[in-house]
Amino acid sequence: MTLYSCGIYKTEMVNGKIEGLEYQNIYIEHNNYSGVIFSKEYDPFGIQGIGNKFTPTMADIDSAEYILRHEIKEINKNRPNQGRDCPVIHKNLSKYKRQYFGRTEKVVFQSVCPG
């Protein structure tokens, strides 16, 4: 077990090779979530070349999970494709497996000032 921030994680390294490219993904299990952290070398969906890829750290995962838990209820308020026989995502969030990819993008902010 590894201790990060205020949570205890169980991790397992998963090594592999695709088309000659070696990668090391990490399976992560926390008391609130579980999933896989994909290394920057792993490209299962053909997203190579889209932004700068990086391997997320445990701190990145903590931040992402914090934002998800605190924002999803508001974002999910109209419950698209949920209800009836489908689960309400924000009420069942801990039951969902996660996939973590790291990617940075160029963002341009514009501000208009009266002149």
PDB file of N, CA and C in Angstrom:
ATOM      1  N   MET A   1       0.841  -1.176   0.000  1.00  0.00           N
ATOM      2  CA  MET A   1       0.000   0.000   0.000  1.00  0.00           C
ATOM      3  C   MET A   1       0.888   1.242   0.000  1.00  0.00           C
ATOM      4  N   THR A   2       0.424   2.266  -0.701  1.00  0.00           N
ATOM      5  CA  THR A   2       1.155   3.518  -0.773  1.00  0.00           C
ATOM      6  C   THR A   2       0.265   4.621  -0.240  1.00  0.00           C
ATOM      7  N   LEU A   3       0.852   5.539   0.512  1.00  0.00           N
ATOM      8  CA  LEU A   3       0.076   6.631   1.085  1.00  0.00           C
ATOM      9  C   LEU A   3       0.334   7.897   0.295  1.00  0.00           C
ATOM     10  N   TYR A   4      -0.699   8.486  -0.281  1.00  0.00           N
ATOM     11  CA  TYR A   4      -0.646   9.757  -0.986  1.00  0.00           C
ATOM     12  C   TYR A   4      -1.733  10.643  -0.412  1.00  0.00           C
ATOM     13  N   SER A   5      -1.474  11.896  -0.298  1.00  0.00           N
ATOM     14  CA  SER A   5      -2.394  12.869   0.286  1.00  0.00           C
ATOM     15  C   SER A   5      -3.073  12.233   1.485  1.00  0.00           C
ATOM     16  N   CYS A   6      -4.387  12.168   1.479  1.00  0.00           N
ATOM     17  CA  CYS A   6      -5.095  11.603   2.637  1.00  0.00           C
ATOM     18  C   CYS A   6      -5.747  10.270   2.299  1.00  0.00           C
ATOM     19  N   GLY A   7      -5.324   9.626   1.222  1.00  0.00           N
ATOM     20  CA  GLY A   7      -5.943   8.368   0.837  1.00  0.00           C
ATOM     21  C   GLY A   7      -4.936   7.244   0.775  1.00  0.00           C
ATOM     22  N   ILE A   8      -5.401   6.031   0.897  1.00  0.00           N
ATOM     23  CA  ILE A   8      -4.535   4.864   0.775  1.00  0.00           C
ATOM     24  C   ILE A   8      -4.858   4.202  -0.559  1.00  0.00           C
ATOM     25  N   TYR A   9      -3.824   3.934  -1.327  1.00  0.00           N
ATOM     26  CA  TYR A   9      -3.975   3.364  -2.656  1.00  0.00           C
ATOM     27  C   TYR A   9      -3.295   2.009  -2.707  1.00  0.00           C
ATOM     28  N   LYS A  10      -3.886   1.137  -3.467  1.00  0.00           N
ATOM     29  CA  LYS A  10      -3.249  -0.133  -3.802  1.00  0.00           C
ATOM     30  C   LYS A  10      -2.958  -0.020  -5.296  1.00  0.00           C
ATOM     31  N   THR A  11      -1.710  -0.226  -5.685  1.00  0.00           N
ATOM     32  CA  THR A  11      -1.362  -0.097  -7.090  1.00  0.00           C
ATOM     33  C   THR A  11      -0.675  -1.355  -7.600  1.00  0.00           C
ATOM     34  N   GLU A  12      -0.778  -1.554  -8.912  1.00  0.00           N
ATOM     35  CA  GLU A  12      -0.121  -2.682  -9.558  1.00  0.00           C
ATOM     36  C   GLU A  12       0.344  -2.235 -10.933  1.00  0.00           C
ATOM     37  N   MET A  13       1.608  -2.451 -11.245  1.00  0.00           N
ATOM     38  CA  MET A  13       2.160  -2.086 -12.551  1.00  0.00           C
ATOM     39  C   MET A  13       1.768  -3.128 -13.589  1.00  0.00           C
ATOM     40  N   VAL A  14       1.403  -2.650 -14.778  1.00  0.00           N
ATOM     41  CA  VAL A  14       1.042  -3.530 -15.885  1.00  0.00           C
ATOM     42  C   VAL A  14       1.928  -3.142 -17.060  1.00  0.00           C
ATOM     43  N   ASN A  15       2.880  -4.010 -17.413  1.00  0.00           N
ATOM     44  CA  ASN A  15       3.799  -3.744 -18.516  1.00  0.00           C
ATOM     45  C   ASN A  15       3.283  -4.390 -19.785  1.00  0.00           C
ATOM     46  N   GLY A  16       3.559  -3.748 -20.917  1.00  0.00           N
ATOM     47  CA  GLY A  16       3.135  -4.316 -22.183  1.00  0.00           C
ATOM     48  C   GLY A  16       3.888  -3.712 -23.348  1.00  0.00           C
ATOM     49  N   LYS A  17       3.522  -4.166 -24.541  1.00  0.00           N
ATOM     50  CA  LYS A  17       4.176  -3.701 -25.754  1.00  0.00           C
ATOM     51  C   LYS A  17       3.153  -3.729 -26.886  1.00  0.00           C
ATOM     52  N   ILE A  18       3.023  -2.606 -27.587  1.00  0.00           N
ATOM     53  CA  ILE A  18       2.125  -2.525 -28.744  1.00  0.00           C
ATOM     54  C   ILE A  18       2.939  -2.007 -29.920  1.00  0.00           C
ATOM     55  N   GLU A  19       2.960  -2.764 -31.005  1.00  0.00           N
ATOM     56  CA  GLU A  19       3.683  -2.384 -32.214  1.00  0.00           C
ATOM     57  C   GLU A  19       5.096  -1.895 -31.888  1.00  0.00           C
ATOM     58  N   GLY A  20       5.797  -2.615 -31.034  1.00  0.00           N
ATOM     59  CA  GLY A  20       7.172  -2.295 -30.689  1.00  0.00           C
ATOM     60  C   GLY A  20       7.332  -1.194 -29.644  1.00  0.00           C
ATOM     61  N   LEU A  21       6.243  -0.587 -29.212  1.00  0.00           N
ATOM     62  CA  LEU A  21       6.306   0.475 -28.213  1.00  0.00           C
ATOM     63  C   LEU A  21       5.995  -0.090 -26.839  1.00  0.00           C
ATOM     64  N   GLU A  22       6.945   0.030 -25.925  1.00  0.00           N
ATOM     65  CA  GLU A  22       6.743  -0.481 -24.577  1.00  0.00           C
ATOM     66  C   GLU A  22       6.037   0.552 -23.720  1.00  0.00           C
ATOM     67  N   TYR A  23       5.199   0.086 -22.806  1.00  0.00           N
ATOM     68  CA  TYR A  23       4.486   0.984 -21.906  1.00  0.00           C
ATOM     69  C   TYR A  23       4.366   0.341 -20.531  1.00  0.00           C
ATOM     70  N   GLN A  24       4.063   1.165 -19.552  1.00  0.00           N
ATOM     71  CA  GLN A  24       3.833   0.684 -18.191  1.00  0.00           C
ATOM     72  C   GLN A  24       2.613   1.440 -17.641  1.00  0.00           C
ATOM     73  N   ASN A  25       1.491   0.769 -17.593  1.00  0.00           N
ATOM     74  CA  ASN A  25       0.275   1.349 -17.033  1.00  0.00           C
ATOM     75  C   ASN A  25       0.179   0.962 -15.559  1.00  0.00           C
ATOM     76  N   ILE A  26      -0.643   1.677 -14.825  1.00  0.00           N
ATOM     77  CA  ILE A  26      -0.781   1.418 -13.393  1.00  0.00           C
ATOM     78  C   ILE A  26      -2.247   1.188 -13.071  1.00  0.00           C
ATOM     79  N   TYR A  27      -2.546   0.030 -12.499  1.00  0.00           N
ATOM     80  CA  TYR A  27      -3.893  -0.220 -11.986  1.00  0.00           C
ATOM     81  C   TYR A  27      -3.927   0.373 -10.576  1.00  0.00           C
ATOM     82  N   ILE A  28      -4.944   1.183 -10.290  1.00  0.00           N
ATOM     83  CA  ILE A  28      -5.050   1.854  -8.996  1.00  0.00           C
ATOM     84  C   ILE A  28      -6.373   1.484  -8.339  1.00  0.00           C
ATOM     85  N   GLU A  29      -6.306   1.227  -7.057  1.00  0.00           N
ATOM     86  CA  GLU A  29      -7.509   0.924  -6.286  1.00  0.00           C
ATOM     87  C   GLU A  29      -7.487   1.796  -5.034  1.00  0.00           C
ATOM     88  N   HIS A  30      -8.546   2.556  -4.849  1.00  0.00           N
ATOM     89  CA  HIS A  30      -8.716   3.464  -3.710  1.00  0.00           C
ATOM     90  C   HIS A  30     -10.053   3.108  -3.081  1.00  0.00           C
ATOM     91  N   ASN A  31     -10.301   3.544  -1.869  1.00  0.00           N
ATOM     92  CA  ASN A  31     -11.583   3.191  -1.253  1.00  0.00           C
ATOM     93  C   ASN A  31     -12.771   3.838  -1.962  1.00  0.00           C
ATOM     94  N   ASN A  32     -12.563   4.909  -2.752  1.00  0.00           N
ATOM     95  CA  ASN A  32     -13.670   5.568  -3.456  1.00  0.00           C
ATOM     96  C   ASN A  32     -13.710   5.295  -4.955  1.00  0.00           C
ATOM     97  N   TYR A  33     -12.646   4.758  -5.524  1.00  0.00           N
ATOM     98  CA  TYR A  33     -12.603   4.542  -6.966  1.00  0.00           C
ATOM     99  C   TYR A  33     -11.493   3.564  -7.327  1.00  0.00           C
ATOM    100  N   SER A  34     -11.555   3.062  -8.563  1.00  0.00           N
ATOM    101  CA  SER A  34     -10.486   2.219  -9.089  1.00  0.00           C
ATOM    102  C   SER A  34     -10.434   2.398 -10.597  1.00  0.00           C
ATOM    103  N   GLY A  35      -9.287   2.108 -11.161  1.00  0.00           N
ATOM    104  CA  GLY A  35      -9.135   2.250 -12.598  1.00  0.00           C
ATOM    105  C   GLY A  35      -7.696   2.078 -13.025  1.00  0.00           C
ATOM    106  N   VAL A  36      -7.394   2.573 -14.228  1.00  0.00           N
ATOM    107  CA  VAL A  36      -6.058   2.435 -14.805  1.00  0.00           C
ATOM    108  C   VAL A  36      -5.517   3.808 -15.170  1.00  0.00           C
ATOM    109  N   ILE A  37      -4.265   4.050 -14.778  1.00  0.00           N
ATOM    110  CA  ILE A  37      -3.539   5.240 -15.198  1.00  0.00           C
ATOM    111  C   ILE A  37      -2.718   4.817 -16.410  1.00  0.00           C
ATOM    112  N   PHE A  38      -3.026   5.391 -17.566  1.00  0.00           N
ATOM    113  CA  PHE A  38      -2.314   5.027 -18.785  1.00  0.00           C
ATOM    114  C   PHE A  38      -1.052   5.866 -18.926  1.00  0.00           C
ATOM    115  N   SER A  39       0.046   5.225 -19.250  1.00  0.00           N
ATOM    116  CA  SER A  39       1.309   5.943 -19.446  1.00  0.00           C
ATOM    117  C   SER A  39       1.230   6.741 -20.741  1.00  0.00           C
ATOM    118  N   LYS A  40       2.108   7.729 -20.861  1.00  0.00           N
ATOM    119  CA  LYS A  40       2.105   8.575 -22.055  1.00  0.00           C
ATOM    120  C   LYS A  40       2.436   7.776 -23.313  1.00  0.00           C
ATOM    121  N   GLU A  41       3.099   6.630 -23.173  1.00  0.00           N
ATOM    122  CA  GLU A  41       3.445   5.804 -24.328  1.00  0.00           C
ATOM    123  C   GLU A  41       2.263   4.967 -24.833  1.00  0.00           C
ATOM    124  N   TYR A  42       1.280   4.746 -23.990  1.00  0.00           N
ATOM    125  CA  TYR A  42       0.146   3.884 -24.340  1.00  0.00           C
ATOM    126  C   TYR A  42      -0.845   4.676 -25.178  1.00  0.00           C
ATOM    127  N   ASP A  43      -1.261   4.141 -26.315  1.00  0.00           N
ATOM    128  CA  ASP A  43      -2.144   4.861 -27.230  1.00  0.00           C
ATOM    129  C   ASP A  43      -3.226   3.942 -27.794  1.00  0.00           C
ATOM    130  N   PRO A  44      -4.142   3.456 -26.943  1.00  0.00           N
ATOM    131  CA  PRO A  44      -5.122   2.488 -27.413  1.00  0.00           C
ATOM    132  C   PRO A  44      -6.198   3.065 -28.321  1.00  0.00           C
ATOM    133  N   PHE A  45      -6.388   4.371 -28.296  1.00  0.00           N
ATOM    134  CA  PHE A  45      -7.480   4.975 -29.067  1.00  0.00           C
ATOM    135  C   PHE A  45      -6.979   5.835 -30.217  1.00  0.00           C
ATOM    136  N   GLY A  46      -5.710   5.744 -30.531  1.00  0.00           N
ATOM    137  CA  GLY A  46      -5.166   6.498 -31.656  1.00  0.00           C
ATOM    138  C   GLY A  46      -5.154   8.000 -31.420  1.00  0.00           C
ATOM    139  N   ILE A  47      -4.864   8.427 -30.194  1.00  0.00           N
ATOM    140  CA  ILE A  47      -4.861   9.863 -29.910  1.00  0.00           C
ATOM    141  C   ILE A  47      -3.450  10.444 -29.967  1.00  0.00           C
ATOM    142  N   GLN A  48      -2.497   9.657 -30.460  1.00  0.00           N
ATOM    143  CA  GLN A  48      -1.124  10.135 -30.608  1.00  0.00           C
ATOM    144  C   GLN A  48      -1.157  11.403 -31.452  1.00  0.00           C
ATOM    145  N   GLY A  49      -0.430  12.418 -31.044  1.00  0.00           N
ATOM    146  CA  GLY A  49      -0.381  13.660 -31.811  1.00  0.00           C
ATOM    147  C   GLY A  49      -1.439  14.671 -31.406  1.00  0.00           C
ATOM    148  N   ILE A  50      -2.356  14.302 -30.515  1.00  0.00           N
ATOM    149  CA  ILE A  50      -3.373  15.239 -30.034  1.00  0.00           C
ATOM    150  C   ILE A  50      -2.879  15.802 -28.713  1.00  0.00           C
ATOM    151  N   GLY A  51      -2.325  16.984 -28.743  1.00  0.00           N
ATOM    152  CA  GLY A  51      -1.795  17.583 -27.525  1.00  0.00           C
ATOM    153  C   GLY A  51      -0.522  16.884 -27.088  1.00  0.00           C
ATOM    154  N   ASN A  52       0.047  17.344 -26.006  1.00  0.00           N
ATOM    155  CA  ASN A  52       1.237  16.719 -25.431  1.00  0.00           C
ATOM    156  C   ASN A  52       0.784  15.730 -24.381  1.00  0.00           C
ATOM    157  N   LYS A  53       1.164  14.470 -24.551  1.00  0.00           N
ATOM    158  CA  LYS A  53       0.742  13.437 -23.610  1.00  0.00           C
ATOM    159  C   LYS A  53       1.712  13.349 -22.442  1.00  0.00           C
ATOM    160  N   PHE A  54       1.190  13.001 -21.270  1.00  0.00           N
ATOM    161  CA  PHE A  54       2.011  12.763 -20.093  1.00  0.00           C
ATOM    162  C   PHE A  54       1.361  11.677 -19.262  1.00  0.00           C
ATOM    163  N   THR A  55       2.144  11.055 -18.410  1.00  0.00           N
ATOM    164  CA  THR A  55       1.615  10.045 -17.503  1.00  0.00           C
ATOM    165  C   THR A  55       1.130  10.756 -16.243  1.00  0.00           C
ATOM    166  N   PRO A  56      -0.180  10.690 -15.938  1.00  0.00           N
ATOM    167  CA  PRO A  56      -0.689  11.367 -14.744  1.00  0.00           C
ATOM    168  C   PRO A  56      -0.065  10.826 -13.462  1.00  0.00           C
ATOM    169  N   THR A  57       0.183  11.716 -12.514  1.00  0.00           N
ATOM    170  CA  THR A  57       0.714  11.335 -11.208  1.00  0.00           C
ATOM    171  C   THR A  57      -0.441  11.077 -10.250  1.00  0.00           C
ATOM    172  N   MET A  58      -0.140  10.565  -9.070  1.00  0.00           N
ATOM    173  CA  MET A  58      -1.182  10.359  -8.059  1.00  0.00           C
ATOM    174  C   MET A  58      -1.802  11.705  -7.680  1.00  0.00           C
ATOM    175  N   ALA A  59      -1.004  12.767  -7.631  1.00  0.00           N
ATOM    176  CA  ALA A  59      -1.538  14.101  -7.327  1.00  0.00           C
ATOM    177  C   ALA A  59      -2.514  14.544  -8.423  1.00  0.00           C
ATOM    178  N   ASP A  60      -2.207  14.244  -9.692  1.00  0.00           N
ATOM    179  CA  ASP A  60      -3.124  14.564 -10.798  1.00  0.00           C
ATOM    180  C   ASP A  60      -4.442  13.820 -10.630  1.00  0.00           C
ATOM    181  N   ILE A  61      -4.353  12.543 -10.248  1.00  0.00           N
ATOM    182  CA  ILE A  61      -5.558  11.725 -10.068  1.00  0.00           C
ATOM    183  C   ILE A  61      -6.379  12.257  -8.901  1.00  0.00           C
ATOM    184  N   ASP A  62      -5.726  12.599  -7.796  1.00  0.00           N
ATOM    185  CA  ASP A  62      -6.434  13.182  -6.645  1.00  0.00           C
ATOM    186  C   ASP A  62      -7.185  14.439  -7.058  1.00  0.00           C
ATOM    187  N   SER A  63      -6.527  15.311  -7.824  1.00  0.00           N
ATOM    188  CA  SER A  63      -7.166  16.553  -8.276  1.00  0.00           C
ATOM    189  C   SER A  63      -8.364  16.265  -9.179  1.00  0.00           C
ATOM    190  N   ALA A  64      -8.176  15.349 -10.122  1.00  0.00           N
ATOM    191  CA  ALA A  64      -9.263  15.004 -11.044  1.00  0.00           C
ATOM    192  C   ALA A  64     -10.455  14.411 -10.301  1.00  0.00           C
ATOM    193  N   GLU A  65     -10.192  13.519  -9.357  1.00  0.00           N
ATOM    194  CA  GLU A  65     -11.270  12.903  -8.585  1.00  0.00           C
ATOM    195  C   GLU A  65     -11.987  13.930  -7.709  1.00  0.00           C
ATOM    196  N   TYR A  66     -11.234  14.860  -7.130  1.00  0.00           N
ATOM    197  CA  TYR A  66     -11.842  15.918  -6.307  1.00  0.00           C
ATOM    198  C   TYR A  66     -12.793  16.754  -7.159  1.00  0.00           C
ATOM    199  N   ILE A  67     -12.330  17.170  -8.337  1.00  0.00           N
ATOM    200  CA  ILE A  67     -13.166  17.973  -9.234  1.00  0.00           C
ATOM    201  C   ILE A  67     -14.390  17.176  -9.661  1.00  0.00           C
ATOM    202  N   LEU A  68     -14.193  15.931 -10.040  1.00  0.00           N
ATOM    203  CA  LEU A  68     -15.309  15.083 -10.469  1.00  0.00           C
ATOM    204  C   LEU A  68     -16.364  14.968  -9.376  1.00  0.00           C
ATOM    205  N   ARG A  69     -15.947  14.622  -8.154  1.00  0.00           N
ATOM    206  CA  ARG A  69     -16.902  14.452  -7.061  1.00  0.00           C
ATOM    207  C   ARG A  69     -17.650  15.736  -6.728  1.00  0.00           C
ATOM    208  N   HIS A  70     -16.972  16.876  -6.848  1.00  0.00           N
ATOM    209  CA  HIS A  70     -17.593  18.141  -6.468  1.00  0.00           C
ATOM    210  C   HIS A  70     -18.375  18.819  -7.592  1.00  0.00           C
ATOM    211  N   GLU A  71     -18.144  18.428  -8.835  1.00  0.00           N
ATOM    212  CA  GLU A  71     -18.808  19.072  -9.963  1.00  0.00           C
ATOM    213  C   GLU A  71     -19.867  18.211 -10.644  1.00  0.00           C
ATOM    214  N   ILE A  72     -19.800  16.900 -10.507  1.00  0.00           N
ATOM    215  CA  ILE A  72     -20.657  16.032 -11.321  1.00  0.00           C
ATOM    216  C   ILE A  72     -22.147  16.178 -11.003  1.00  0.00           C
ATOM    217  N   LYS A  73     -22.494  16.429  -9.769  1.00  0.00           N
ATOM    218  CA  LYS A  73     -23.913  16.543  -9.423  1.00  0.00           C
ATOM    219  C   LYS A  73     -24.559  17.703 -10.182  1.00  0.00           C
ATOM    220  N   GLU A  74     -23.872  18.833 -10.253  1.00  0.00           N
ATOM    221  CA  GLU A  74     -24.400  19.989 -10.987  1.00  0.00           C
ATOM    222  C   GLU A  74     -24.408  19.728 -12.493  1.00  0.00           C
ATOM    223  N   ILE A  75     -23.312  19.184 -13.000  1.00  0.00           N
ATOM    224  CA  ILE A  75     -23.214  18.902 -14.438  1.00  0.00           C
ATOM    225  C   ILE A  75     -24.260  17.871 -14.858  1.00  0.00           C
ATOM    226  N   ASN A  76     -24.573  16.950 -13.974  1.00  0.00           N
ATOM    227  CA  ASN A  76     -25.467  15.834 -14.270  1.00  0.00           C
ATOM    228  C   ASN A  76     -26.923  16.117 -13.893  1.00  0.00           C
ATOM    229  N   LYS A  77     -27.259  17.363 -13.574  1.00  0.00           N
ATOM    230  CA  LYS A  77     -28.597  17.659 -13.054  1.00  0.00           C
ATOM    231  C   LYS A  77     -29.735  17.300 -14.000  1.00  0.00           C
ATOM    232  N   ASN A  78     -29.520  17.344 -15.313  1.00  0.00           N
ATOM    233  CA  ASN A  78     -30.583  16.977 -16.262  1.00  0.00           C
ATOM    234  C   ASN A  78     -30.618  15.479 -16.543  1.00  0.00           C
ATOM    235  N   ARG A  79     -29.646  14.750 -16.017  1.00  0.00           N
ATOM    236  CA  ARG A  79     -29.555  13.288 -16.114  1.00  0.00           C
ATOM    237  C   ARG A  79     -29.790  12.736 -17.526  1.00  0.00           C
ATOM    238  N   PRO A  80     -28.976  13.143 -18.494  1.00  0.00           N
ATOM    239  CA  PRO A  80     -29.150  12.607 -19.851  1.00  0.00           C
ATOM    240  C   PRO A  80     -28.925  11.095 -19.863  1.00  0.00           C
ATOM    241  N   ASN A  81     -29.843  10.369 -20.472  1.00  0.00           N
ATOM    242  CA  ASN A  81     -29.776   8.904 -20.585  1.00  0.00           C
ATOM    243  C   ASN A  81     -29.683   8.198 -19.241  1.00  0.00           C
ATOM    244  N   GLN A  82     -30.271   8.786 -18.209  1.00  0.00           N
ATOM    245  CA  GLN A  82     -30.237   8.186 -16.885  1.00  0.00           C
ATOM    246  C   GLN A  82     -31.650   8.182 -16.309  1.00  0.00           C
ATOM    247  N   GLY A  83     -31.847   7.362 -15.335  1.00  0.00           N
ATOM    248  CA  GLY A  83     -33.164   7.254 -14.742  1.00  0.00           C
ATOM    249  C   GLY A  83     -33.820   5.963 -15.193  1.00  0.00           C
ATOM    250  N   ARG A  84     -35.064   5.797 -14.850  1.00  0.00           N
ATOM    251  CA  ARG A  84     -35.770   4.549 -15.137  1.00  0.00           C
ATOM    252  C   ARG A  84     -34.902   3.366 -14.767  1.00  0.00           C
ATOM    253  N   ASP A  85     -34.493   2.580 -15.773  1.00  0.00           N
ATOM    254  CA  ASP A  85     -33.678   1.397 -15.521  1.00  0.00           C
ATOM    255  C   ASP A  85     -32.173   1.681 -15.573  1.00  0.00           C
ATOM    256  N   CYS A  86     -31.799   2.907 -15.920  1.00  0.00           N
ATOM    257  CA  CYS A  86     -30.378   3.270 -15.993  1.00  0.00           C
ATOM    258  C   CYS A  86     -29.952   3.918 -14.681  1.00  0.00           C
ATOM    259  N   PRO A  87     -28.729   3.652 -14.239  1.00  0.00           N
ATOM    260  CA  PRO A  87     -28.271   4.242 -12.974  1.00  0.00           C
ATOM    261  C   PRO A  87     -28.038   5.745 -13.110  1.00  0.00           C
ATOM    262  N   VAL A  88     -28.243   6.461 -12.021  1.00  0.00           N
ATOM    263  CA  VAL A  88     -27.930   7.881 -11.965  1.00  0.00           C
ATOM    264  C   VAL A  88     -26.446   7.967 -11.623  1.00  0.00           C
ATOM    265  N   ILE A  89     -25.662   8.492 -12.548  1.00  0.00           N
ATOM    266  CA  ILE A  89     -24.203   8.417 -12.442  1.00  0.00           C
ATOM    267  C   ILE A  89     -23.664   9.005 -11.150  1.00  0.00           C
ATOM    268  N   HIS A  90     -24.070  10.226 -10.797  1.00  0.00           N
ATOM    269  CA  HIS A  90     -23.456  10.846  -9.615  1.00  0.00           C
ATOM    270  C   HIS A  90     -23.824  10.141  -8.314  1.00  0.00           C
ATOM    271  N   LYS A  91     -24.893   9.375  -8.308  1.00  0.00           N
ATOM    272  CA  LYS A  91     -25.263   8.620  -7.109  1.00  0.00           C
ATOM    273  C   LYS A  91     -24.559   7.265  -7.052  1.00  0.00           C
ATOM    274  N   ASN A  92     -23.986   6.829  -8.162  1.00  0.00           N
ATOM    275  CA  ASN A  92     -23.313   5.528  -8.249  1.00  0.00           C
ATOM    276  C   ASN A  92     -21.864   5.655  -8.686  1.00  0.00           C
ATOM    277  N   LEU A  93     -21.279   6.818  -8.501  1.00  0.00           N
ATOM    278  CA  LEU A  93     -19.948   7.109  -9.016  1.00  0.00           C
ATOM    279  C   LEU A  93     -18.883   6.113  -8.562  1.00  0.00           C
ATOM    280  N   SER A  94     -18.959   5.660  -7.342  1.00  0.00           N
ATOM    281  CA  SER A  94     -17.930   4.738  -6.832  1.00  0.00           C
ATOM    282  C   SER A  94     -17.973   3.367  -7.512  1.00  0.00           C
ATOM    283  N   LYS A  95     -19.047   3.059  -8.207  1.00  0.00           N
ATOM    284  CA  LYS A  95     -19.163   1.769  -8.889  1.00  0.00           C
ATOM    285  C   LYS A  95     -18.526   1.776 -10.279  1.00  0.00           C
ATOM    286  N   TYR A  96     -18.164   2.960 -10.775  1.00  0.00           N
ATOM    287  CA  TYR A  96     -17.606   3.080 -12.112  1.00  0.00           C
ATOM    288  C   TYR A  96     -16.085   2.967 -12.086  1.00  0.00           C
ATOM    289  N   LYS A  97     -15.530   2.215 -13.039  1.00  0.00           N
ATOM    290  CA  LYS A  97     -14.079   2.111 -13.204  1.00  0.00           C
ATOM    291  C   LYS A  97     -13.608   3.346 -13.968  1.00  0.00           C
ATOM    292  N   ARG A  98     -12.384   3.773 -13.688  1.00  0.00           N
ATOM    293  CA  ARG A  98     -11.830   4.971 -14.312  1.00  0.00           C
ATOM    294  C   ARG A  98     -10.725   4.607 -15.295  1.00  0.00           C
ATOM    295  N   GLN A  99     -10.525   5.468 -16.290  1.00  0.00           N
ATOM    296  CA  GLN A  99      -9.385   5.413 -17.197  1.00  0.00           C
ATOM    297  C   GLN A  99      -8.785   6.813 -17.208  1.00  0.00           C
ATOM    298  N   TYR A 100      -7.518   6.915 -16.831  1.00  0.00           N
ATOM    299  CA  TYR A 100      -6.859   8.212 -16.734  1.00  0.00           C
ATOM    300  C   TYR A 100      -5.812   8.363 -17.825  1.00  0.00           C
ATOM    301  N   PHE A 101      -5.963   9.385 -18.669  1.00  0.00           N
ATOM    302  CA  PHE A 101      -4.997   9.746 -19.699  1.00  0.00           C
ATOM    303  C   PHE A 101      -4.532  11.161 -19.396  1.00  0.00           C
ATOM    304  N   GLY A 102      -3.263  11.437 -19.610  1.00  0.00           N
ATOM    305  CA  GLY A 102      -2.762  12.796 -19.435  1.00  0.00           C
ATOM    306  C   GLY A 102      -2.502  13.431 -20.784  1.00  0.00           C
ATOM    307  N   ARG A 103      -3.042  14.642 -20.975  1.00  0.00           N
ATOM    308  CA  ARG A 103      -2.840  15.352 -22.236  1.00  0.00           C
ATOM    309  C   ARG A 103      -2.939  16.851 -21.972  1.00  0.00           C
ATOM    310  N   THR A 104      -2.036  17.611 -22.510  1.00  0.00           N
ATOM    311  CA  THR A 104      -2.125  19.069 -22.398  1.00  0.00           C
ATOM    312  C   THR A 104      -2.492  19.627 -23.762  1.00  0.00           C
ATOM    313  N   GLU A 105      -3.196  20.733 -23.737  1.00  0.00           N
ATOM    314  CA  GLU A 105      -3.627  21.384 -24.969  1.00  0.00           C
ATOM    315  C   GLU A 105      -3.278  22.856 -24.911  1.00  0.00           C
ATOM    316  N   LYS A 106      -3.130  23.451 -26.067  1.00  0.00           N
ATOM    317  CA  LYS A 106      -2.901  24.884 -26.137  1.00  0.00           C
ATOM    318  C   LYS A 106      -4.249  25.578 -26.028  1.00  0.00           C
ATOM    319  N   VAL A 107      -4.333  26.546 -25.115  1.00  0.00           N
ATOM    320  CA  VAL A 107      -5.585  27.283 -24.901  1.00  0.00           C
ATOM    321  C   VAL A 107      -5.288  28.770 -25.042  1.00  0.00           C
ATOM    322  N   VAL A 108      -6.134  29.488 -25.788  1.00  0.00           N
ATOM    323  CA  VAL A 108      -5.986  30.920 -25.954  1.00  0.00           C
ATOM    324  C   VAL A 108      -7.149  31.606 -25.270  1.00  0.00           C
ATOM    325  N   PHE A 109      -6.831  32.525 -24.369  1.00  0.00           N
ATOM    326  CA  PHE A 109      -7.851  33.324 -23.702  1.00  0.00           C
ATOM    327  C   PHE A 109      -7.860  34.701 -24.335  1.00  0.00           C
ATOM    328  N   GLN A 110      -9.045  35.240 -24.489  1.00  0.00           N
ATOM    329  CA  GLN A 110      -9.158  36.560 -25.093  1.00  0.00           C
ATOM    330  C   GLN A 110      -9.973  37.440 -24.180  1.00  0.00           C
ATOM    331  N   SER A 111      -9.549  38.685 -24.019  1.00  0.00           N
ATOM    332  CA  SER A 111     -10.340  39.627 -23.249  1.00  0.00           C
ATOM    333  C   SER A 111     -10.485  40.880 -24.090  1.00  0.00           C
ATOM    334  N   VAL A 112     -11.649  41.460 -24.050  1.00  0.00           N
ATOM    335  CA  VAL A 112     -11.930  42.656 -24.838  1.00  0.00           C
ATOM    336  C   VAL A 112     -12.117  43.811 -23.884  1.00  0.00           C
ATOM    337  N   CYS A 113     -11.344  44.853 -24.075  1.00  0.00           N
ATOM    338  CA  CYS A 113     -11.427  46.033 -23.225  1.00  0.00           C
ATOM    339  C   CYS A 113     -11.921  47.219 -24.043  1.00  0.00           C
ATOM    340  N   PRO A 114     -12.763  48.041 -23.438  1.00  0.00           N
ATOM    341  CA  PRO A 114     -13.217  49.220 -24.178  1.00  0.00           C
ATOM    342  C   PRO A 114     -12.021  50.123 -24.508  1.00  0.00           C
ATOM    343  N   GLY A 115     -11.976  50.680 -25.691  1.00  0.00           N
ATOM    344  CA  GLY A 115     -10.808  51.455 -26.077  1.00  0.00           C
ATOM    345  C   GLY A 115     -11.196  52.763 -26.513  1.00  0.00           C
TER     346      GLY A 115
END
